[in-house]
């Protein structure tokens, strides 16, 4: 089964996606490929608004019927919003990984904008997922 890979996002090798939303804020979620691998998501542990994350920090978990997987910060910054809908409907990660299933919004730390440029574009992420 082929995964959806929107061209307007950037991706990590750990299967998170990043969308730039507005001035210095990015929205982060797990990719369609990741949610397919996880199976039915039953719980999402979210960070707290105001938490400061460094690139590579584990900031939450996605629990499915198959496993528990950490979610890593692709960039550093301050958590400015979490998707509270996931508390009652964690399956949004499965049904809408790039839409209503988003996980967190982060205000980028100084220097983090440059990091976005080093993440995978859609073609590179497709190559990664095709190889796995």
N, C-alpha and C. Protein backbone atom coordinates (compact mmCIF):
# COMPACT_ATOMS: atom_id res chain seq x y z
N UNK A 1 0.84 -1.18 0.00
CA UNK A 1 0.00 0.00 0.00
C UNK A 1 0.89 1.24 0.00
N UNK A 2 0.63 2.12 -0.94
CA UNK A 2 1.43 3.33 -1.10
C UNK A 2 1.02 4.38 -0.08
N UNK A 3 2.00 5.10 0.43
CA UNK A 3 1.74 6.16 1.42
C UNK A 3 1.56 7.49 0.72
N UNK A 4 0.74 8.32 1.31
CA UNK A 4 0.58 9.68 0.83
C UNK A 4 1.77 10.50 1.34
N UNK A 5 2.37 11.30 0.42
CA UNK A 5 3.52 12.13 0.79
C UNK A 5 3.32 13.52 0.17
N UNK A 6 2.66 14.43 0.88
CA UNK A 6 2.44 15.77 0.34
C UNK A 6 3.75 16.49 0.02
N UNK A 7 3.77 17.16 -1.13
CA UNK A 7 4.98 17.83 -1.60
C UNK A 7 5.29 19.11 -0.83
N UNK A 8 4.30 19.68 -0.12
CA UNK A 8 4.51 20.97 0.55
C UNK A 8 5.07 20.83 1.96
N UNK A 9 5.40 19.61 2.38
CA UNK A 9 5.94 19.37 3.71
C UNK A 9 7.39 18.95 3.63
N UNK A 10 8.09 18.99 4.78
CA UNK A 10 9.41 18.38 4.89
C UNK A 10 9.30 17.27 5.93
N UNK A 11 10.23 16.33 5.88
CA UNK A 11 10.11 15.09 6.63
C UNK A 11 11.40 14.74 7.35
N UNK A 12 11.27 13.89 8.38
CA UNK A 12 12.45 13.37 9.08
C UNK A 12 12.58 11.88 8.78
N UNK A 13 13.76 11.35 9.03
CA UNK A 13 13.96 9.92 8.85
C UNK A 13 13.21 9.12 9.90
N UNK A 14 12.75 9.78 10.98
CA UNK A 14 11.97 9.12 12.03
C UNK A 14 10.46 9.21 11.73
N UNK A 15 10.11 9.67 10.52
CA UNK A 15 8.73 9.67 10.02
C UNK A 15 7.83 10.71 10.66
N UNK A 16 8.40 11.88 10.97
CA UNK A 16 7.58 13.03 11.32
C UNK A 16 7.54 13.96 10.12
N UNK A 17 6.47 14.74 10.02
CA UNK A 17 6.39 15.77 8.99
C UNK A 17 6.36 17.14 9.65
N UNK A 18 6.77 18.16 8.89
CA UNK A 18 6.81 19.54 9.38
C UNK A 18 6.19 20.44 8.32
N UNK A 19 5.22 21.26 8.75
CA UNK A 19 4.60 22.25 7.87
C UNK A 19 4.82 23.62 8.50
N UNK A 20 5.36 24.55 7.73
CA UNK A 20 5.50 25.92 8.20
C UNK A 20 4.13 26.57 8.11
N UNK A 21 3.63 27.10 9.23
CA UNK A 21 2.28 27.65 9.23
C UNK A 21 2.29 29.17 9.14
N UNK A 22 2.95 29.81 10.03
CA UNK A 22 3.01 31.27 10.02
C UNK A 22 4.34 31.69 10.59
N UNK A 23 4.50 32.95 10.81
CA UNK A 23 5.78 33.53 11.19
C UNK A 23 6.49 32.74 12.30
N UNK A 24 7.43 31.90 11.89
CA UNK A 24 8.26 31.19 12.87
C UNK A 24 7.59 30.05 13.60
N UNK A 25 6.40 29.63 13.15
CA UNK A 25 5.71 28.52 13.82
C UNK A 25 5.56 27.36 12.82
N UNK A 26 5.84 26.15 13.31
CA UNK A 26 5.68 24.96 12.48
C UNK A 26 4.70 24.01 13.16
N UNK A 27 3.98 23.25 12.33
CA UNK A 27 3.08 22.20 12.81
C UNK A 27 3.74 20.88 12.50
N UNK A 28 3.66 19.93 13.45
CA UNK A 28 4.36 18.65 13.34
C UNK A 28 3.38 17.52 13.57
N UNK A 29 3.56 16.45 12.81
CA UNK A 29 2.76 15.25 13.01
C UNK A 29 3.54 14.04 12.54
N UNK A 30 2.91 12.88 12.56
CA UNK A 30 3.55 11.67 12.04
C UNK A 30 3.00 11.40 10.64
N UNK A 31 3.82 10.82 9.81
CA UNK A 31 3.48 10.63 8.41
C UNK A 31 2.47 9.50 8.20
N UNK A 32 1.90 9.50 7.02
CA UNK A 32 0.98 8.44 6.62
C UNK A 32 1.68 7.09 6.70
N UNK A 33 2.93 7.05 6.25
CA UNK A 33 3.71 5.81 6.32
C UNK A 33 3.82 5.33 7.77
N UNK A 34 4.12 6.26 8.68
CA UNK A 34 4.27 5.90 10.09
C UNK A 34 2.96 5.37 10.67
N UNK A 35 1.84 6.03 10.37
CA UNK A 35 0.59 5.58 10.96
C UNK A 35 0.19 4.22 10.40
N UNK A 36 0.54 3.94 9.13
CA UNK A 36 0.27 2.61 8.57
C UNK A 36 1.08 1.54 9.30
N UNK A 37 2.34 1.86 9.61
CA UNK A 37 3.20 0.92 10.32
C UNK A 37 2.72 0.68 11.75
N UNK A 38 2.21 1.74 12.37
CA UNK A 38 1.75 1.65 13.76
C UNK A 38 0.49 0.81 13.91
N UNK A 39 -0.41 0.91 12.95
CA UNK A 39 -1.72 0.29 13.12
C UNK A 39 -2.65 1.26 13.84
N UNK A 40 -3.69 0.74 14.44
CA UNK A 40 -4.72 1.58 15.07
C UNK A 40 -4.17 2.32 16.28
N UNK A 41 -4.14 3.65 16.21
CA UNK A 41 -3.65 4.48 17.30
C UNK A 41 -4.73 4.58 18.38
N UNK A 42 -4.33 4.28 19.62
CA UNK A 42 -5.28 4.29 20.74
C UNK A 42 -4.98 5.37 21.78
N UNK A 43 -3.78 5.98 21.72
CA UNK A 43 -3.42 7.00 22.70
C UNK A 43 -2.25 7.82 22.16
N UNK A 44 -2.30 9.14 22.39
CA UNK A 44 -1.18 10.02 22.03
C UNK A 44 -0.82 10.83 23.26
N UNK A 45 0.43 10.71 23.70
CA UNK A 45 0.94 11.51 24.82
C UNK A 45 1.49 12.80 24.24
N UNK A 46 0.97 13.93 24.71
CA UNK A 46 1.35 15.23 24.19
C UNK A 46 2.23 15.97 25.19
N UNK A 47 3.10 16.85 24.70
CA UNK A 47 3.87 17.70 25.63
C UNK A 47 2.96 18.79 26.17
N UNK A 48 3.47 19.61 27.07
CA UNK A 48 2.72 20.73 27.61
C UNK A 48 3.04 21.99 26.81
N UNK A 49 2.03 22.82 26.60
CA UNK A 49 2.27 24.14 26.00
C UNK A 49 3.25 24.86 26.91
N UNK A 50 4.25 25.48 26.30
CA UNK A 50 5.30 26.17 27.07
C UNK A 50 6.57 25.36 27.21
N UNK A 51 6.49 24.04 26.95
CA UNK A 51 7.71 23.21 26.99
C UNK A 51 8.70 23.71 25.94
N UNK A 52 9.97 23.68 26.26
CA UNK A 52 11.02 24.02 25.31
C UNK A 52 11.69 22.73 24.87
N UNK A 53 11.75 22.54 23.57
CA UNK A 53 12.33 21.33 23.00
C UNK A 53 13.60 21.65 22.24
N UNK A 54 14.54 20.73 22.31
CA UNK A 54 15.72 20.79 21.47
C UNK A 54 15.54 19.80 20.34
N UNK A 55 16.19 20.08 19.22
CA UNK A 55 16.12 19.15 18.09
C UNK A 55 16.51 17.75 18.56
N UNK A 56 15.68 16.77 18.20
CA UNK A 56 15.97 15.39 18.55
C UNK A 56 15.35 14.92 19.86
N UNK A 57 14.80 15.87 20.66
CA UNK A 57 14.16 15.48 21.92
C UNK A 57 12.91 14.64 21.65
N UNK A 58 12.70 13.65 22.48
CA UNK A 58 11.43 12.92 22.47
C UNK A 58 10.43 13.79 23.22
N UNK A 59 9.30 14.13 22.58
CA UNK A 59 8.35 15.01 23.25
C UNK A 59 6.98 14.37 23.46
N UNK A 60 6.84 13.13 23.07
CA UNK A 60 5.57 12.45 23.27
C UNK A 60 5.64 11.03 22.75
N UNK A 61 4.51 10.35 22.84
CA UNK A 61 4.44 8.97 22.36
C UNK A 61 3.12 8.75 21.63
N UNK A 62 3.19 7.85 20.65
CA UNK A 62 2.00 7.38 19.98
C UNK A 62 1.88 5.90 20.32
N UNK A 63 0.75 5.54 20.95
CA UNK A 63 0.52 4.15 21.34
C UNK A 63 -0.53 3.57 20.41
N UNK A 64 -0.22 2.41 19.86
CA UNK A 64 -1.16 1.74 18.96
C UNK A 64 -1.44 0.34 19.48
N UNK A 65 -2.28 -0.36 18.76
CA UNK A 65 -2.58 -1.75 19.14
C UNK A 65 -1.35 -2.62 18.98
N UNK A 66 -0.35 -2.16 18.21
CA UNK A 66 0.86 -2.95 17.95
C UNK A 66 2.05 -2.57 18.82
N UNK A 67 2.20 -1.26 19.10
CA UNK A 67 3.43 -0.81 19.76
C UNK A 67 3.27 0.59 20.34
N UNK A 68 4.34 1.05 20.99
CA UNK A 68 4.44 2.43 21.46
C UNK A 68 5.67 3.03 20.79
N UNK A 69 5.50 4.19 20.18
CA UNK A 69 6.61 4.85 19.48
C UNK A 69 6.79 6.26 19.98
N UNK A 70 8.04 6.65 20.20
CA UNK A 70 8.34 8.03 20.58
C UNK A 70 8.16 8.95 19.39
N UNK A 71 7.83 10.20 19.69
CA UNK A 71 7.78 11.26 18.68
C UNK A 71 8.93 12.20 19.01
N UNK A 72 9.73 12.53 17.98
CA UNK A 72 10.92 13.35 18.18
C UNK A 72 10.75 14.73 17.55
N UNK A 73 11.32 15.72 18.20
CA UNK A 73 11.28 17.09 17.68
C UNK A 73 12.25 17.22 16.51
N UNK A 74 11.74 17.50 15.32
CA UNK A 74 12.64 17.67 14.18
C UNK A 74 13.42 18.98 14.23
N UNK A 75 12.90 19.92 15.02
CA UNK A 75 13.54 21.23 15.20
C UNK A 75 13.35 21.65 16.65
N UNK A 76 14.17 22.59 17.08
CA UNK A 76 14.05 23.08 18.44
C UNK A 76 13.12 24.28 18.51
N UNK A 77 12.53 24.46 19.70
CA UNK A 77 11.67 25.62 19.91
C UNK A 77 10.73 25.42 21.07
N UNK A 78 9.77 26.33 21.18
CA UNK A 78 8.80 26.30 22.27
C UNK A 78 7.46 25.77 21.78
N UNK A 79 6.88 24.85 22.53
CA UNK A 79 5.55 24.32 22.20
C UNK A 79 4.53 25.44 22.43
N UNK A 80 3.83 25.82 21.36
CA UNK A 80 2.83 26.89 21.47
C UNK A 80 1.40 26.35 21.36
N UNK A 81 1.25 25.10 20.87
CA UNK A 81 -0.08 24.49 20.79
C UNK A 81 0.07 22.98 20.70
N UNK A 82 -0.90 22.27 21.28
CA UNK A 82 -0.97 20.82 21.13
C UNK A 82 -2.37 20.49 20.61
N UNK A 83 -2.49 19.40 19.91
CA UNK A 83 -3.78 18.99 19.35
C UNK A 83 -4.59 18.26 20.42
N UNK A 84 -5.37 19.03 21.16
CA UNK A 84 -6.13 18.45 22.27
C UNK A 84 -7.20 17.47 21.79
N UNK A 85 -7.58 17.53 20.52
CA UNK A 85 -8.55 16.58 19.97
C UNK A 85 -8.05 15.14 20.09
N UNK A 86 -6.72 14.98 20.11
CA UNK A 86 -6.15 13.64 20.18
C UNK A 86 -6.40 12.97 21.53
N UNK A 87 -6.72 13.76 22.57
CA UNK A 87 -7.04 13.17 23.87
C UNK A 87 -8.27 12.26 23.76
N UNK A 88 -9.28 12.73 23.05
CA UNK A 88 -10.52 11.95 22.95
C UNK A 88 -10.61 11.15 21.66
N UNK A 89 -9.88 11.55 20.62
CA UNK A 89 -9.94 10.85 19.33
C UNK A 89 -8.53 10.64 18.76
N UNK A 90 -7.72 9.80 19.42
CA UNK A 90 -6.35 9.57 18.94
C UNK A 90 -6.31 8.96 17.54
N UNK A 91 -7.41 8.33 17.11
CA UNK A 91 -7.44 7.72 15.78
C UNK A 91 -7.36 8.74 14.64
N UNK A 92 -7.44 10.05 14.97
CA UNK A 92 -7.22 11.07 13.95
C UNK A 92 -5.83 10.94 13.33
N UNK A 93 -4.87 10.42 14.10
CA UNK A 93 -3.52 10.18 13.56
C UNK A 93 -3.61 9.20 12.38
N UNK A 94 -4.51 8.23 12.47
CA UNK A 94 -4.70 7.28 11.38
C UNK A 94 -5.53 7.87 10.23
N UNK A 95 -6.64 8.49 10.56
CA UNK A 95 -7.58 8.91 9.52
C UNK A 95 -7.16 10.19 8.81
N UNK A 96 -6.37 11.04 9.46
CA UNK A 96 -5.99 12.32 8.87
C UNK A 96 -4.60 12.74 9.34
N UNK A 97 -3.55 11.95 8.98
CA UNK A 97 -2.22 12.23 9.54
C UNK A 97 -1.68 13.62 9.19
N UNK A 98 -2.08 14.17 8.03
CA UNK A 98 -1.57 15.48 7.62
C UNK A 98 -2.57 16.60 7.88
N UNK A 99 -3.72 16.26 8.43
CA UNK A 99 -4.76 17.26 8.71
C UNK A 99 -5.08 17.30 10.18
N UNK A 100 -6.27 16.77 10.52
CA UNK A 100 -6.75 16.84 11.90
C UNK A 100 -5.91 16.01 12.87
N UNK A 101 -5.04 15.15 12.37
CA UNK A 101 -4.20 14.31 13.23
C UNK A 101 -2.85 14.92 13.58
N UNK A 102 -2.67 16.22 13.30
CA UNK A 102 -1.41 16.88 13.68
C UNK A 102 -1.21 16.75 15.19
N UNK A 103 0.02 16.91 15.65
CA UNK A 103 0.32 16.66 17.06
C UNK A 103 0.67 17.92 17.84
N UNK A 104 1.54 18.75 17.31
CA UNK A 104 2.05 19.88 18.08
C UNK A 104 2.44 21.02 17.15
N UNK A 105 2.41 22.25 17.68
CA UNK A 105 2.97 23.41 16.99
C UNK A 105 4.09 23.99 17.85
N UNK A 106 5.17 24.34 17.17
CA UNK A 106 6.37 24.84 17.84
C UNK A 106 6.78 26.17 17.24
N UNK A 107 7.09 27.14 18.11
CA UNK A 107 7.72 28.39 17.66
C UNK A 107 9.20 28.11 17.57
N UNK A 108 9.74 28.26 16.38
CA UNK A 108 11.13 27.88 16.14
C UNK A 108 12.11 28.68 16.99
N UNK A 109 13.10 27.97 17.51
CA UNK A 109 14.19 28.61 18.23
C UNK A 109 15.11 29.30 17.22
N UNK A 110 15.94 30.21 17.70
CA UNK A 110 16.91 30.86 16.81
C UNK A 110 17.74 29.79 16.12
N UNK A 111 17.92 29.93 14.82
CA UNK A 111 18.72 28.98 14.08
C UNK A 111 17.96 27.76 13.59
N UNK A 112 16.74 27.56 14.07
CA UNK A 112 15.99 26.36 13.69
C UNK A 112 15.45 26.45 12.26
N UNK A 113 15.27 27.66 11.75
CA UNK A 113 14.78 27.81 10.38
C UNK A 113 15.74 27.14 9.41
N UNK A 114 17.04 27.31 9.65
CA UNK A 114 18.03 26.69 8.78
C UNK A 114 17.93 25.17 8.83
N UNK A 115 17.57 24.62 9.98
CA UNK A 115 17.43 23.17 10.13
C UNK A 115 16.34 22.64 9.22
N UNK A 116 15.28 23.41 9.02
CA UNK A 116 14.19 22.97 8.13
C UNK A 116 14.72 22.63 6.74
N UNK A 117 15.71 23.41 6.29
CA UNK A 117 16.28 23.18 4.97
C UNK A 117 17.06 21.89 4.85
N UNK A 118 17.45 21.31 5.98
CA UNK A 118 18.22 20.06 5.93
C UNK A 118 17.33 18.82 6.08
N UNK A 119 16.03 19.03 6.29
CA UNK A 119 15.11 17.89 6.39
C UNK A 119 14.81 17.37 4.98
N UNK A 120 14.18 16.23 4.92
CA UNK A 120 13.91 15.57 3.64
C UNK A 120 12.74 16.23 2.92
N UNK A 121 12.90 16.44 1.61
CA UNK A 121 11.74 16.88 0.84
C UNK A 121 10.91 15.64 0.48
N UNK A 122 9.79 15.84 -0.19
CA UNK A 122 8.87 14.73 -0.47
C UNK A 122 9.55 13.62 -1.28
N UNK A 123 10.36 13.99 -2.27
CA UNK A 123 11.03 12.97 -3.09
C UNK A 123 12.01 12.15 -2.27
N UNK A 124 12.78 12.81 -1.42
CA UNK A 124 13.75 12.09 -0.59
C UNK A 124 13.03 11.20 0.42
N UNK A 125 11.92 11.68 0.98
CA UNK A 125 11.18 10.86 1.93
C UNK A 125 10.55 9.66 1.23
N UNK A 126 10.09 9.85 0.01
CA UNK A 126 9.53 8.73 -0.76
C UNK A 126 10.60 7.67 -0.98
N UNK A 127 11.80 8.08 -1.31
CA UNK A 127 12.91 7.13 -1.48
C UNK A 127 13.17 6.37 -0.17
N UNK A 128 13.14 7.07 0.95
CA UNK A 128 13.35 6.44 2.24
C UNK A 128 12.27 5.40 2.52
N UNK A 129 11.02 5.75 2.30
CA UNK A 129 9.93 4.82 2.61
C UNK A 129 9.86 3.67 1.60
N UNK A 130 10.23 3.93 0.36
CA UNK A 130 10.25 2.85 -0.64
C UNK A 130 11.30 1.80 -0.28
N UNK A 131 12.37 2.25 0.39
CA UNK A 131 13.46 1.35 0.75
C UNK A 131 13.13 0.53 1.99
N UNK A 132 12.13 0.97 2.77
CA UNK A 132 11.83 0.27 4.02
C UNK A 132 10.70 -0.73 3.86
